[in-house]
């Protein structure tokens, strides 16, 4: 009889203790904020542009350079090519490179670049999802100069984790594009 009372009390307590509904935690996003960077001027043999001083200029040659952002573990790779009757091939290669990420991307959004006063035309691509590169661009004057750029992170692509840094660096890329001026 003692054991049946104990079992009955245990069963009543166990059943009454499970009345609270379990609620899942809501999804959360990282709230990373990066300081507004001041601009520096970069002058190459072929063009001049402004870039964020948070970036470290690395691997500069006459035709390419890397803007490294150690705080965000990412880099913007920029490459210059001379247009010499090969504009169609340069455009095709730049577009093909951007769309190679479509396999892993949730979407690729195109934004035309038109800056008539400075003779800068091209396309900016924003890649959504777990792709290797979150942004790509190319700009040209259609007759002499062609510049391509890509944003890469030094981490396995996880869109939710890199989103704050990607948004920040995408804005830096837009600033690079709008500040670009060709040299004669």
N, C-alpha and C. Protein backbone atom coordinates (compact mmCIF):
# COMPACT_ATOMS: atom_id res chain seq x y z
N UNK A 1 0.81 -1.18 0.00
CA UNK A 1 0.00 0.00 0.00
C UNK A 1 0.87 1.26 0.00
N UNK A 2 1.99 1.20 0.76
CA UNK A 2 2.88 2.35 0.79
C UNK A 2 3.40 2.67 -0.61
N UNK A 3 3.78 1.60 -1.34
CA UNK A 3 4.35 1.81 -2.67
C UNK A 3 3.31 2.32 -3.65
N UNK A 4 2.09 1.92 -3.58
CA UNK A 4 1.06 2.39 -4.50
C UNK A 4 0.75 3.87 -4.25
N UNK A 5 0.74 4.32 -2.95
CA UNK A 5 0.57 5.75 -2.66
C UNK A 5 1.73 6.54 -3.26
N UNK A 6 2.92 6.07 -3.15
CA UNK A 6 4.11 6.76 -3.68
C UNK A 6 4.06 6.86 -5.19
N UNK A 7 3.64 5.76 -5.82
CA UNK A 7 3.56 5.76 -7.28
C UNK A 7 2.46 6.70 -7.74
N UNK A 8 1.34 6.69 -7.04
CA UNK A 8 0.22 7.57 -7.38
C UNK A 8 0.62 9.04 -7.21
N UNK A 9 1.29 9.40 -6.12
CA UNK A 9 1.74 10.79 -5.89
C UNK A 9 2.75 11.21 -6.96
N UNK A 10 3.68 10.33 -7.29
CA UNK A 10 4.68 10.63 -8.31
C UNK A 10 4.01 10.87 -9.66
N UNK A 11 3.04 10.05 -10.02
CA UNK A 11 2.32 10.19 -11.29
C UNK A 11 1.56 11.50 -11.34
N UNK A 12 0.91 11.89 -10.24
CA UNK A 12 0.15 13.16 -10.20
C UNK A 12 1.10 14.35 -10.33
N UNK A 13 2.20 14.32 -9.64
CA UNK A 13 3.18 15.42 -9.70
C UNK A 13 3.78 15.50 -11.11
N UNK A 14 4.13 14.37 -11.66
CA UNK A 14 4.73 14.35 -12.99
C UNK A 14 3.78 14.89 -14.05
N UNK A 15 2.50 14.54 -13.96
CA UNK A 15 1.54 15.03 -14.96
C UNK A 15 1.23 16.51 -14.76
N UNK A 16 1.20 17.00 -13.55
CA UNK A 16 0.89 18.41 -13.32
C UNK A 16 2.08 19.30 -13.65
N UNK A 17 3.28 18.78 -13.62
CA UNK A 17 4.47 19.57 -13.90
C UNK A 17 4.64 19.84 -15.40
N UNK A 18 3.97 19.13 -16.25
CA UNK A 18 4.17 19.25 -17.70
C UNK A 18 3.10 20.11 -18.37
N UNK A 19 2.48 21.02 -17.64
CA UNK A 19 1.41 21.81 -18.23
C UNK A 19 1.91 23.00 -19.04
N UNK A 20 3.11 23.53 -18.77
CA UNK A 20 3.61 24.69 -19.50
C UNK A 20 3.96 24.30 -20.93
N UNK A 21 3.51 25.12 -21.87
CA UNK A 21 3.83 24.88 -23.26
C UNK A 21 5.27 25.30 -23.52
N UNK A 22 5.95 24.54 -24.32
CA UNK A 22 7.31 24.87 -24.69
C UNK A 22 7.25 25.77 -25.91
N UNK A 23 7.89 26.93 -25.81
CA UNK A 23 7.92 27.87 -26.91
C UNK A 23 9.31 27.91 -27.51
N UNK A 24 9.41 27.82 -28.84
CA UNK A 24 10.74 27.90 -29.45
C UNK A 24 11.27 29.33 -29.38
N UNK A 25 12.59 29.46 -29.34
CA UNK A 25 13.19 30.78 -29.32
C UNK A 25 13.02 31.42 -30.70
N UNK A 26 12.76 32.71 -30.75
CA UNK A 26 12.64 33.36 -32.06
C UNK A 26 14.01 33.44 -32.74
N UNK A 27 14.00 33.50 -34.08
CA UNK A 27 15.24 33.64 -34.83
C UNK A 27 15.82 35.01 -34.53
N UNK A 28 17.13 35.07 -34.47
CA UNK A 28 17.80 36.33 -34.19
C UNK A 28 18.91 36.54 -35.22
N UNK A 29 19.21 37.78 -35.48
CA UNK A 29 20.29 38.15 -36.38
C UNK A 29 21.37 38.84 -35.57
N UNK A 30 22.61 38.68 -36.00
CA UNK A 30 23.69 39.38 -35.35
C UNK A 30 23.53 40.87 -35.57
N UNK A 31 23.79 41.63 -34.56
CA UNK A 31 23.74 43.07 -34.70
C UNK A 31 25.17 43.59 -34.60
N UNK A 32 25.87 43.49 -35.70
CA UNK A 32 27.23 43.98 -35.76
C UNK A 32 27.21 45.34 -36.42
N UNK A 33 27.87 46.28 -35.79
CA UNK A 33 27.95 47.61 -36.37
C UNK A 33 29.40 47.95 -36.57
N UNK A 34 29.69 48.48 -37.73
CA UNK A 34 31.05 48.86 -38.06
C UNK A 34 31.12 50.37 -38.16
N UNK A 35 32.26 50.95 -37.78
CA UNK A 35 32.37 52.41 -37.81
C UNK A 35 32.37 52.93 -39.24
N UNK A 36 31.87 54.13 -39.39
CA UNK A 36 31.91 54.78 -40.70
C UNK A 36 33.37 55.09 -41.00
N UNK A 37 33.82 54.67 -42.14
CA UNK A 37 35.23 54.87 -42.49
C UNK A 37 35.44 56.17 -43.24
N UNK A 38 36.59 56.73 -43.03
CA UNK A 38 37.00 57.89 -43.81
C UNK A 38 37.57 57.38 -45.12
N UNK A 39 37.60 58.26 -46.11
CA UNK A 39 38.05 57.83 -47.43
C UNK A 39 39.51 58.18 -47.68
N UNK A 40 40.16 57.29 -48.40
CA UNK A 40 41.51 57.52 -48.90
C UNK A 40 41.44 57.51 -50.42
N UNK A 41 42.43 58.10 -51.05
CA UNK A 41 42.48 58.12 -52.51
C UNK A 41 43.53 57.13 -52.98
N UNK A 42 43.16 56.34 -53.97
CA UNK A 42 44.09 55.41 -54.59
C UNK A 42 44.25 55.82 -56.04
N UNK A 43 45.49 56.04 -56.44
CA UNK A 43 45.78 56.42 -57.81
C UNK A 43 46.62 55.33 -58.46
N UNK A 44 46.11 54.79 -59.55
CA UNK A 44 46.86 53.78 -60.31
C UNK A 44 47.30 54.42 -61.63
N UNK A 45 47.91 53.62 -62.48
CA UNK A 45 48.34 54.12 -63.79
C UNK A 45 47.15 54.46 -64.69
N UNK A 46 45.96 53.87 -64.41
CA UNK A 46 44.84 53.98 -65.33
C UNK A 46 43.62 54.68 -64.76
N UNK A 47 43.49 54.75 -63.44
CA UNK A 47 42.31 55.35 -62.83
C UNK A 47 42.61 55.82 -61.41
N UNK A 48 41.69 56.62 -60.90
CA UNK A 48 41.75 57.12 -59.52
C UNK A 48 40.42 56.77 -58.88
N UNK A 49 40.46 56.37 -57.61
CA UNK A 49 39.22 56.09 -56.87
C UNK A 49 39.42 56.36 -55.39
N UNK A 50 38.31 56.40 -54.68
CA UNK A 50 38.35 56.56 -53.22
C UNK A 50 37.92 55.24 -52.59
N UNK A 51 38.57 54.90 -51.45
CA UNK A 51 38.22 53.68 -50.74
C UNK A 51 38.24 53.94 -49.24
N UNK A 52 37.65 53.04 -48.50
CA UNK A 52 37.52 53.14 -47.06
C UNK A 52 38.88 52.94 -46.39
N UNK A 53 39.23 53.84 -45.47
CA UNK A 53 40.54 53.73 -44.81
C UNK A 53 40.63 52.51 -43.88
N UNK A 54 39.49 51.87 -43.56
CA UNK A 54 39.53 50.64 -42.77
C UNK A 54 40.21 49.51 -43.56
N UNK A 55 40.24 49.63 -44.86
CA UNK A 55 40.83 48.61 -45.72
C UNK A 55 42.34 48.79 -45.77
N UNK A 56 43.03 47.66 -45.81
CA UNK A 56 44.48 47.69 -46.01
C UNK A 56 44.74 47.38 -47.48
N UNK A 57 45.47 48.26 -48.12
CA UNK A 57 45.82 48.06 -49.52
C UNK A 57 46.92 47.00 -49.61
N UNK A 58 46.62 45.92 -50.30
CA UNK A 58 47.57 44.82 -50.43
C UNK A 58 47.74 44.44 -51.89
N UNK A 59 48.86 43.84 -52.19
CA UNK A 59 49.11 43.26 -53.51
C UNK A 59 48.84 44.24 -54.64
N UNK A 60 49.37 45.44 -54.53
CA UNK A 60 49.13 46.42 -55.58
C UNK A 60 50.15 46.25 -56.70
N UNK A 61 49.64 46.15 -57.90
CA UNK A 61 50.50 46.15 -59.10
C UNK A 61 49.91 47.18 -60.05
N UNK A 62 50.43 47.26 -61.23
CA UNK A 62 49.92 48.22 -62.20
C UNK A 62 48.51 47.90 -62.67
N UNK A 63 48.10 46.63 -62.55
CA UNK A 63 46.80 46.25 -63.08
C UNK A 63 45.84 45.66 -62.05
N UNK A 64 46.28 45.40 -60.83
CA UNK A 64 45.36 44.84 -59.84
C UNK A 64 45.79 45.19 -58.42
N UNK A 65 44.83 45.09 -57.50
CA UNK A 65 45.12 45.31 -56.09
C UNK A 65 44.02 44.65 -55.26
N UNK A 66 44.29 44.52 -53.98
CA UNK A 66 43.35 43.92 -53.05
C UNK A 66 43.14 44.91 -51.90
N UNK A 67 41.87 45.16 -51.57
CA UNK A 67 41.52 45.93 -50.39
C UNK A 67 41.10 44.93 -49.32
N UNK A 68 41.94 44.75 -48.32
CA UNK A 68 41.71 43.74 -47.29
C UNK A 68 41.06 44.41 -46.07
N UNK A 69 39.99 43.79 -45.56
CA UNK A 69 39.27 44.26 -44.38
C UNK A 69 39.45 43.21 -43.27
N UNK A 70 40.53 43.30 -42.48
CA UNK A 70 40.79 42.26 -41.49
C UNK A 70 39.70 42.16 -40.42
N UNK A 71 39.08 43.27 -40.05
CA UNK A 71 38.03 43.26 -39.04
C UNK A 71 36.85 42.40 -39.48
N UNK A 72 36.57 42.37 -40.78
CA UNK A 72 35.43 41.62 -41.32
C UNK A 72 35.85 40.33 -42.00
N UNK A 73 37.14 40.07 -42.02
CA UNK A 73 37.68 38.87 -42.65
C UNK A 73 37.24 38.74 -44.10
N UNK A 74 37.34 39.86 -44.83
CA UNK A 74 36.97 39.87 -46.23
C UNK A 74 37.88 40.77 -47.04
N UNK A 75 37.80 40.62 -48.35
CA UNK A 75 38.62 41.42 -49.24
C UNK A 75 37.85 41.75 -50.52
N UNK A 76 38.19 42.89 -51.09
CA UNK A 76 37.68 43.28 -52.40
C UNK A 76 38.86 43.20 -53.36
N UNK A 77 38.73 42.34 -54.36
CA UNK A 77 39.77 42.16 -55.37
C UNK A 77 39.39 42.99 -56.59
N UNK A 78 40.31 43.84 -57.03
CA UNK A 78 40.06 44.73 -58.18
C UNK A 78 41.13 44.46 -59.23
N UNK A 79 40.68 44.36 -60.50
CA UNK A 79 41.58 44.04 -61.59
C UNK A 79 41.29 44.96 -62.78
N UNK A 80 42.34 45.47 -63.38
CA UNK A 80 42.23 46.35 -64.54
C UNK A 80 42.70 45.61 -65.79
N UNK A 81 41.98 45.83 -66.89
CA UNK A 81 42.40 45.32 -68.20
C UNK A 81 42.20 46.41 -69.23
N UNK A 82 43.11 46.45 -70.18
CA UNK A 82 43.01 47.42 -71.26
C UNK A 82 42.04 46.90 -72.31
N UNK A 83 41.18 47.77 -72.80
CA UNK A 83 40.27 47.41 -73.89
C UNK A 83 41.04 47.62 -75.20
N UNK A 84 41.18 46.54 -75.95
CA UNK A 84 41.93 46.60 -77.20
C UNK A 84 41.20 45.76 -78.24
N UNK A 85 39.97 46.18 -78.56
CA UNK A 85 39.16 45.44 -79.51
C UNK A 85 38.55 44.17 -78.91
N UNK A 86 38.69 44.01 -77.60
CA UNK A 86 38.23 42.79 -76.94
C UNK A 86 37.12 43.06 -75.92
N UNK A 87 36.38 44.13 -76.09
CA UNK A 87 35.35 44.51 -75.13
C UNK A 87 34.29 43.42 -74.97
N UNK A 88 33.87 42.82 -76.07
CA UNK A 88 32.86 41.76 -75.98
C UNK A 88 33.34 40.60 -75.12
N UNK A 89 34.59 40.20 -75.28
CA UNK A 89 35.14 39.10 -74.47
C UNK A 89 35.25 39.51 -73.00
N UNK A 90 35.70 40.73 -72.73
CA UNK A 90 35.81 41.21 -71.35
C UNK A 90 34.44 41.24 -70.67
N UNK A 91 33.44 41.74 -71.38
CA UNK A 91 32.08 41.78 -70.83
C UNK A 91 31.55 40.37 -70.58
N UNK A 92 31.75 39.48 -71.54
CA UNK A 92 31.28 38.10 -71.40
C UNK A 92 31.95 37.42 -70.21
N UNK A 93 33.26 37.58 -70.07
CA UNK A 93 33.98 36.96 -68.95
C UNK A 93 33.50 37.51 -67.61
N UNK A 94 33.29 38.81 -67.52
CA UNK A 94 32.84 39.42 -66.26
C UNK A 94 31.44 38.94 -65.89
N UNK A 95 30.55 38.86 -66.87
CA UNK A 95 29.20 38.39 -66.60
C UNK A 95 29.18 36.91 -66.24
N UNK A 96 30.00 36.13 -66.93
CA UNK A 96 30.08 34.70 -66.64
C UNK A 96 30.60 34.46 -65.22
N UNK A 97 31.60 35.21 -64.81
CA UNK A 97 32.14 35.09 -63.46
C UNK A 97 31.07 35.38 -62.41
N UNK A 98 30.26 36.39 -62.65
CA UNK A 98 29.20 36.73 -61.70
C UNK A 98 28.16 35.64 -61.61
N UNK A 99 27.81 35.04 -62.73
CA UNK A 99 26.75 34.04 -62.72
C UNK A 99 27.25 32.62 -62.40
N UNK A 100 28.55 32.45 -62.17
CA UNK A 100 29.04 31.15 -61.69
C UNK A 100 28.54 30.88 -60.27
N UNK A 101 28.15 31.93 -59.56
CA UNK A 101 27.70 31.79 -58.18
C UNK A 101 26.21 31.44 -58.08
N UNK A 102 25.54 31.34 -59.22
CA UNK A 102 24.10 31.09 -59.21
C UNK A 102 23.76 29.71 -58.62
N UNK A 103 24.69 28.78 -58.66
CA UNK A 103 24.46 27.44 -58.13
C UNK A 103 24.15 27.49 -56.63
N UNK A 104 24.91 28.27 -55.89
CA UNK A 104 24.74 28.37 -54.44
C UNK A 104 23.88 29.57 -54.03
N UNK A 105 23.69 30.51 -54.91
CA UNK A 105 22.99 31.75 -54.57
C UNK A 105 21.48 31.55 -54.52
N UNK A 106 20.84 32.34 -53.66
CA UNK A 106 19.38 32.39 -53.63
C UNK A 106 18.87 33.37 -54.67
N UNK A 107 19.73 34.28 -55.09
CA UNK A 107 19.35 35.26 -56.11
C UNK A 107 20.51 36.17 -56.42
N UNK A 108 20.55 36.66 -57.64
CA UNK A 108 21.56 37.62 -58.05
C UNK A 108 20.82 38.84 -58.59
N UNK A 109 21.11 39.99 -58.01
CA UNK A 109 20.43 41.22 -58.39
C UNK A 109 21.40 42.12 -59.13
N UNK A 110 20.98 42.58 -60.29
CA UNK A 110 21.81 43.44 -61.14
C UNK A 110 21.43 44.89 -60.93
N UNK A 111 22.45 45.73 -60.89
CA UNK A 111 22.24 47.18 -60.77
C UNK A 111 23.14 47.87 -61.80
N UNK A 112 22.56 48.43 -62.85
CA UNK A 112 23.39 49.09 -63.87
C UNK A 112 24.16 50.28 -63.29
N UNK A 113 25.34 50.49 -63.82
CA UNK A 113 26.18 51.63 -63.44
C UNK A 113 26.24 52.56 -64.64
N UNK A 114 25.76 53.77 -64.46
CA UNK A 114 25.80 54.77 -65.53
C UNK A 114 26.24 56.09 -64.92
N UNK A 115 27.45 56.51 -65.26
CA UNK A 115 28.00 57.78 -64.79
C UNK A 115 28.54 58.51 -66.02
N UNK A 116 27.64 59.15 -66.75
CA UNK A 116 27.99 59.80 -68.02
C UNK A 116 29.06 60.88 -67.87
N UNK A 117 28.97 61.76 -66.86
CA UNK A 117 30.00 62.81 -66.76
C UNK A 117 31.43 62.25 -66.66
N UNK A 118 31.59 61.09 -66.05
CA UNK A 118 32.92 60.51 -65.89
C UNK A 118 33.17 59.34 -66.83
N UNK A 119 32.24 59.09 -67.74
CA UNK A 119 32.38 58.05 -68.75
C UNK A 119 32.61 56.67 -68.12
N UNK A 120 31.81 56.36 -67.08
CA UNK A 120 31.92 55.08 -66.37
C UNK A 120 30.59 54.35 -66.51
N UNK A 121 30.65 53.17 -67.11
CA UNK A 121 29.45 52.37 -67.35
C UNK A 121 29.74 50.92 -66.95
N UNK A 122 28.74 50.22 -66.49
CA UNK A 122 28.97 48.83 -66.13
C UNK A 122 27.79 48.21 -65.42
N UNK A 123 28.10 47.22 -64.56
CA UNK A 123 27.06 46.49 -63.84
C UNK A 123 27.60 46.10 -62.47
N UNK A 124 26.71 46.23 -61.49
CA UNK A 124 27.01 45.79 -60.11
C UNK A 124 26.08 44.62 -59.82
N UNK A 125 26.63 43.52 -59.30
CA UNK A 125 25.86 42.33 -58.97
C UNK A 125 25.90 42.11 -57.47
N UNK A 126 24.74 41.96 -56.87
CA UNK A 126 24.64 41.62 -55.45
C UNK A 126 24.12 40.18 -55.37
N UNK A 127 24.87 39.34 -54.69
CA UNK A 127 24.55 37.92 -54.62
C UNK A 127 23.96 37.61 -53.24
N UNK A 128 22.79 37.03 -53.23
CA UNK A 128 22.12 36.63 -51.98
C UNK A 128 22.31 35.14 -51.77
N UNK A 129 22.56 34.74 -50.54
CA UNK A 129 22.69 33.32 -50.24
C UNK A 129 24.10 32.92 -49.90
N UNK A 130 24.34 31.62 -49.82
CA UNK A 130 25.61 31.07 -49.38
C UNK A 130 26.61 30.92 -50.53
N UNK A 131 26.78 31.95 -51.32
CA UNK A 131 27.72 31.92 -52.44
C UNK A 131 29.11 32.36 -51.97
N UNK A 132 30.12 32.00 -52.75
CA UNK A 132 31.50 32.35 -52.39
C UNK A 132 31.73 33.86 -52.41
N UNK A 133 31.12 34.56 -53.35
CA UNK A 133 31.27 36.00 -53.46
C UNK A 133 29.91 36.67 -53.29
N UNK A 134 29.85 37.69 -52.46
CA UNK A 134 28.59 38.39 -52.20
C UNK A 134 28.36 39.55 -53.16
N UNK A 135 29.38 39.99 -53.84
CA UNK A 135 29.24 41.11 -54.78
C UNK A 135 30.30 41.00 -55.87
N UNK A 136 29.91 41.44 -57.04
CA UNK A 136 30.81 41.50 -58.20
C UNK A 136 30.45 42.78 -58.96
N UNK A 137 31.43 43.31 -59.68
CA UNK A 137 31.11 44.46 -60.54
C UNK A 137 32.11 44.54 -61.68
N UNK A 138 31.69 45.25 -62.71
CA UNK A 138 32.62 45.66 -63.76
C UNK A 138 32.21 47.04 -64.22
N UNK A 139 33.21 47.83 -64.59
CA UNK A 139 32.97 49.17 -65.14
C UNK A 139 33.95 49.38 -66.30
N UNK A 140 33.52 50.19 -67.25
CA UNK A 140 34.33 50.44 -68.43
C UNK A 140 33.97 51.81 -69.02
N UNK A 141 34.86 52.30 -69.86
CA UNK A 141 34.52 53.48 -70.66
C UNK A 141 34.20 53.05 -72.09
N UNK A 142 34.25 51.77 -72.35
CA UNK A 142 33.91 51.12 -73.62
C UNK A 142 34.96 51.25 -74.71
N UNK A 143 36.01 52.03 -74.48
CA UNK A 143 37.00 52.20 -75.53
C UNK A 143 38.43 51.88 -75.08
N UNK A 144 38.78 52.19 -73.80
CA UNK A 144 40.16 52.01 -73.36
C UNK A 144 40.31 51.21 -72.07
N UNK A 145 39.38 51.37 -71.13
CA UNK A 145 39.57 50.83 -69.77
C UNK A 145 38.47 49.85 -69.38
N UNK A 146 38.86 48.84 -68.58
CA UNK A 146 37.90 47.87 -68.07
C UNK A 146 38.36 47.42 -66.68
N UNK A 147 37.50 47.58 -65.68
CA UNK A 147 37.83 47.22 -64.30
C UNK A 147 36.79 46.25 -63.77
N UNK A 148 37.25 45.15 -63.15
CA UNK A 148 36.35 44.21 -62.50
C UNK A 148 36.69 44.15 -61.02
N UNK A 149 35.70 43.77 -60.22
CA UNK A 149 35.93 43.64 -58.79
C UNK A 149 35.04 42.57 -58.20
N UNK A 150 35.54 41.94 -57.13
CA UNK A 150 34.80 40.87 -56.45
C UNK A 150 35.03 40.96 -54.95
N UNK A 151 33.98 40.65 -54.20
CA UNK A 151 34.06 40.62 -52.74
C UNK A 151 34.08 39.17 -52.28
N UNK A 152 35.09 38.82 -51.49
CA UNK A 152 35.20 37.47 -50.94
C UNK A 152 35.48 37.55 -49.45
N UNK A 153 34.97 36.58 -48.70
CA UNK A 153 35.23 36.48 -47.27
C UNK A 153 36.12 35.28 -47.01
N UNK A 154 36.94 35.38 -45.97
CA UNK A 154 37.84 34.29 -45.59
C UNK A 154 37.14 33.38 -44.59
N UNK A 155 36.00 32.90 -44.97
CA UNK A 155 35.20 32.01 -44.11
C UNK A 155 34.29 31.20 -45.02
N UNK A 156 33.82 30.10 -44.51
CA UNK A 156 32.85 29.29 -45.26
C UNK A 156 31.60 30.13 -45.46
N UNK A 157 31.05 30.17 -46.68
CA UNK A 157 29.89 31.01 -46.93
C UNK A 157 28.68 30.60 -46.08
N UNK A 158 28.27 31.49 -45.22
CA UNK A 158 27.06 31.33 -44.42
C UNK A 158 26.40 32.70 -44.41
N UNK A 159 25.43 32.87 -45.27
CA UNK A 159 24.85 34.19 -45.54
C UNK A 159 24.39 34.91 -44.28
N UNK A 160 23.74 34.20 -43.36
CA UNK A 160 23.26 34.85 -42.14
C UNK A 160 24.40 35.41 -41.31
N UNK A 161 25.52 34.70 -41.25
CA UNK A 161 26.64 35.13 -40.42
C UNK A 161 27.40 36.30 -41.03
N UNK A 162 27.56 36.31 -42.34
CA UNK A 162 28.36 37.37 -42.97
C UNK A 162 27.53 38.55 -43.45
N UNK A 163 26.22 38.49 -43.29
CA UNK A 163 25.35 39.54 -43.83
C UNK A 163 25.73 40.95 -43.37
N UNK A 164 25.96 41.21 -42.07
CA UNK A 164 26.31 42.59 -41.68
C UNK A 164 27.59 43.09 -42.36
N UNK A 165 28.60 42.24 -42.42
CA UNK A 165 29.84 42.64 -43.08
C UNK A 165 29.63 42.79 -44.59
N UNK A 166 28.84 41.90 -45.18
CA UNK A 166 28.58 41.97 -46.62
C UNK A 166 27.88 43.27 -46.98
N UNK A 167 26.91 43.67 -46.21
CA UNK A 167 26.18 44.92 -46.48
C UNK A 167 27.13 46.11 -46.39
N UNK A 168 28.00 46.11 -45.37
CA UNK A 168 28.96 47.20 -45.19
C UNK A 168 29.92 47.27 -46.38
N UNK A 169 30.46 46.13 -46.79
CA UNK A 169 31.42 46.11 -47.88
C UNK A 169 30.76 46.36 -49.24
N UNK A 170 29.51 45.98 -49.39
CA UNK A 170 28.79 46.29 -50.62
C UNK A 170 28.64 47.80 -50.77
N UNK A 171 28.43 48.49 -49.67
CA UNK A 171 28.36 49.96 -49.73
C UNK A 171 29.72 50.53 -50.10
N UNK A 172 30.79 49.94 -49.58
CA UNK A 172 32.14 50.39 -49.96
C UNK A 172 32.37 50.18 -51.46
N UNK A 173 31.90 49.07 -51.99
CA UNK A 173 32.05 48.82 -53.43
C UNK A 173 31.29 49.87 -54.23
N UNK A 174 30.09 50.19 -53.80
CA UNK A 174 29.33 51.25 -54.50
C UNK A 174 30.09 52.58 -54.47
N UNK A 175 30.72 52.88 -53.34
CA UNK A 175 31.51 54.12 -53.23
C UNK A 175 32.72 54.08 -54.16
N UNK A 176 33.35 52.91 -54.27
CA UNK A 176 34.48 52.76 -55.19
C UNK A 176 34.02 53.02 -56.62
N UNK A 177 32.90 52.43 -57.00
CA UNK A 177 32.38 52.58 -58.36
C UNK A 177 32.03 54.04 -58.66
N UNK A 178 31.34 54.70 -57.74
CA UNK A 178 30.90 56.08 -58.00
C UNK A 178 32.05 57.07 -57.96
N UNK A 179 33.14 56.74 -57.28
CA UNK A 179 34.27 57.66 -57.21
C UNK A 179 35.30 57.44 -58.31
N UNK A 180 35.18 56.36 -59.07
CA UNK A 180 36.18 56.01 -60.07
C UNK A 180 36.23 57.03 -61.20
N UNK A 181 37.45 57.46 -61.51
CA UNK A 181 37.71 58.41 -62.61
C UNK A 181 38.85 57.85 -63.45
N UNK A 182 38.67 57.87 -64.76
CA UNK A 182 39.70 57.35 -65.66
C UNK A 182 40.82 58.37 -65.82
N UNK A 183 42.03 57.86 -66.01
CA UNK A 183 43.17 58.71 -66.36
C UNK A 183 43.33 58.67 -67.87
N UNK A 184 43.74 59.74 -68.44
CA UNK A 184 43.94 59.78 -69.92
C UNK A 184 45.24 59.21 -70.31
